[in-house]
């Protein structure tokens, strides 16, 4: 008798997902940033970040700071600094957070729902958001001057 387990597959199509912004490998952005239409991060980005759409952190990509995502999160790279503390990076995701086998989160991850794939590395805390949750620190990241 041969028992097989189903394989989970996560397919990313930035065009179909309307991801119109990209930080390419080797690129670095820092500051108060807002992206409309989703964001693909293959390089590094840090600061107070708002993404109006899905956020894809690709393998090799790094995102740090205070992040608010008004869509889904796809984590293949790194959320937070390697070896950093959970208070240095926090991400609020209004949709589903998918953490792949190559994804690493050392920051605080808050999302409505979470999907972990075999090998996912969730080192920081996770909080499930409920409808109507307003997190004062992340409610409007661009208004916070620190």
Protein backbone atom coordinates (compact mmCIF):
# COMPACT_ATOMS: atom_id res chain seq x y z
CA UNK A 1 0.00 0.00 0.00
CA UNK A 2 1.47 3.33 -1.09
CA UNK A 3 0.41 6.36 0.91
CA UNK A 4 1.05 9.69 -0.74
CA UNK A 5 0.51 13.06 0.81
CA UNK A 6 -0.83 15.90 -1.30
CA UNK A 7 1.69 18.54 -2.33
CA UNK A 8 0.87 22.12 -1.53
CA UNK A 9 1.64 24.41 -4.43
CA UNK A 10 1.73 28.17 -4.22
CA UNK A 11 1.51 29.81 -7.64
CA UNK A 12 2.38 33.48 -8.05
CA UNK A 13 1.34 35.43 -11.14
CA UNK A 14 2.19 39.12 -10.59
CA UNK A 15 0.35 40.21 -13.76
CA UNK A 16 -2.90 38.46 -12.82
CA UNK A 17 -2.51 39.75 -9.24
CA UNK A 18 -2.11 43.36 -10.51
CA UNK A 19 1.33 43.71 -8.92
CA UNK A 20 2.63 46.80 -10.71
CA UNK A 21 5.51 47.83 -8.41
CA UNK A 22 8.86 46.10 -8.02
CA UNK A 23 12.07 46.50 -6.03
CA UNK A 24 14.55 44.48 -8.10
CA UNK A 25 17.35 42.31 -6.70
CA UNK A 26 20.16 44.60 -5.55
CA UNK A 27 17.78 47.55 -5.17
CA UNK A 28 17.24 49.26 -1.81
CA UNK A 29 14.47 51.62 -0.73
CA UNK A 30 14.07 53.26 2.66
CA UNK A 31 11.64 55.75 4.14
CA UNK A 32 7.93 56.48 4.19
CA UNK A 33 6.66 54.57 1.18
CA UNK A 34 3.25 53.85 -0.33
CA UNK A 35 2.58 51.48 -3.22
CA UNK A 36 -0.71 51.21 -5.12
CA UNK A 37 -1.38 48.05 -7.06
CA UNK A 38 0.78 45.60 -5.11
CA UNK A 39 4.53 45.17 -4.65
CA UNK A 40 7.12 42.53 -5.54
CA UNK A 41 10.29 42.80 -3.40
CA UNK A 42 13.39 41.05 -4.69
CA UNK A 43 15.81 43.53 -3.10
CA UNK A 44 15.57 45.31 0.26
CA UNK A 45 12.99 47.75 1.55
CA UNK A 46 12.65 49.32 5.00
CA UNK A 47 10.73 52.03 6.79
CA UNK A 48 7.06 52.88 7.15
CA UNK A 49 5.45 51.06 4.25
CA UNK A 50 1.87 50.82 3.02
CA UNK A 51 0.97 48.45 0.20
CA UNK A 52 -2.49 48.86 -1.35
CA UNK A 53 -2.62 45.37 -2.82
CA UNK A 54 -0.66 42.16 -2.39
CA UNK A 55 2.92 42.10 -1.10
CA UNK A 56 5.26 39.43 -2.46
CA UNK A 57 8.61 39.11 -0.67
CA UNK A 58 10.62 36.97 -3.08
CA UNK A 59 13.49 34.64 -2.20
CA UNK A 60 16.41 36.92 -1.34
CA UNK A 61 14.08 39.85 -0.67
CA UNK A 62 14.07 41.57 2.73
CA UNK A 63 11.38 43.81 4.24
CA UNK A 64 11.88 45.64 7.57
CA UNK A 65 10.01 48.31 9.51
CA UNK A 66 6.32 49.04 10.03
CA UNK A 67 4.32 47.58 7.17
CA UNK A 68 0.59 47.61 6.39
CA UNK A 69 -0.67 45.39 3.56
CA UNK A 70 -4.20 45.90 2.23
CA UNK A 71 -4.16 42.55 0.46
CA UNK A 72 -2.41 39.21 0.83
CA UNK A 73 1.20 38.58 1.87
CA UNK A 74 3.38 35.98 0.09
CA UNK A 75 6.59 35.39 2.04
CA UNK A 76 9.37 33.57 0.19
CA UNK A 77 12.18 35.79 1.52
CA UNK A 78 12.75 37.50 4.86
CA UNK A 79 10.42 39.63 7.00
CA UNK A 80 12.56 41.45 9.57
CA UNK A 81 16.30 41.59 10.08
CA UNK A 82 18.25 38.35 10.29
CA UNK A 83 18.67 37.77 14.00
CA UNK A 84 16.55 40.87 14.72
CA UNK A 85 13.93 41.23 17.43
CA UNK A 86 10.19 41.00 16.88
CA UNK A 87 9.69 44.66 17.87
CA UNK A 88 11.95 46.00 15.10
CA UNK A 89 9.58 44.83 12.34
CA UNK A 90 5.81 44.45 12.41
CA UNK A 91 3.51 43.71 9.51
CA UNK A 92 -0.27 44.01 9.49
CA UNK A 93 -1.87 42.03 6.65
CA UNK A 94 -5.56 42.61 5.98
CA UNK A 95 -5.76 39.40 3.94
CA UNK A 96 -4.11 35.99 4.01
CA UNK A 97 -0.43 35.54 4.91
CA UNK A 98 1.27 32.69 3.03
CA UNK A 99 4.69 31.65 4.37
CA UNK A 100 6.56 29.29 2.01
CA UNK A 101 9.28 26.79 2.83
CA UNK A 102 11.91 29.46 2.09
CA UNK A 103 10.10 32.20 4.03
CA UNK A 104 11.53 33.49 7.32
CA UNK A 105 9.77 35.90 9.68
CA UNK A 106 11.69 37.34 12.63
CA UNK A 107 9.23 40.22 12.95
CA UNK A 108 5.73 40.40 14.39
CA UNK A 109 3.22 39.13 11.83
CA UNK A 110 -0.45 40.04 12.14
CA UNK A 111 -2.96 38.77 9.58
CA UNK A 112 -6.57 37.70 9.19
CA UNK A 113 -5.47 34.18 8.22
CA UNK A 114 -2.16 32.29 8.01
CA UNK A 115 -1.02 29.47 5.72
CA UNK A 116 2.32 27.85 6.59
CA UNK A 117 4.00 25.51 4.12
CA UNK A 118 6.33 22.68 5.13
CA UNK A 119 9.65 24.25 6.16
CA UNK A 120 8.28 27.76 6.84
CA UNK A 121 10.27 29.56 9.54
CA UNK A 122 8.05 31.70 11.77
CA UNK A 123 10.42 32.96 14.52
CA UNK A 124 8.51 36.05 15.64
CA UNK A 125 5.02 36.23 17.14
CA UNK A 126 1.83 35.90 15.10
CA UNK A 127 -1.53 37.48 15.89
CA UNK A 128 -4.82 36.74 14.18
CA UNK A 129 -6.69 39.93 13.27
CA UNK A 130 -10.44 40.01 13.58
CA UNK A 131 -12.81 42.22 11.58
CA UNK A 132 -12.77 45.70 13.08
CA UNK A 133 -9.32 45.33 14.65
CA UNK A 134 -7.54 48.65 14.50
CA UNK A 135 -3.92 48.52 15.52
CA UNK A 136 -2.98 52.08 16.56
CA UNK A 137 0.69 51.74 15.61
CA UNK A 138 -0.10 50.40 12.15
CA UNK A 139 -3.47 52.04 11.50
CA UNK A 140 -1.79 54.62 9.33
CA UNK A 141 1.93 53.94 9.11
CA UNK A 142 2.61 57.03 7.05
CA UNK A 143 1.31 59.30 9.82
CA UNK A 144 3.73 57.91 12.43
CA UNK A 145 6.87 60.13 12.34
CA UNK A 146 9.18 57.67 14.17
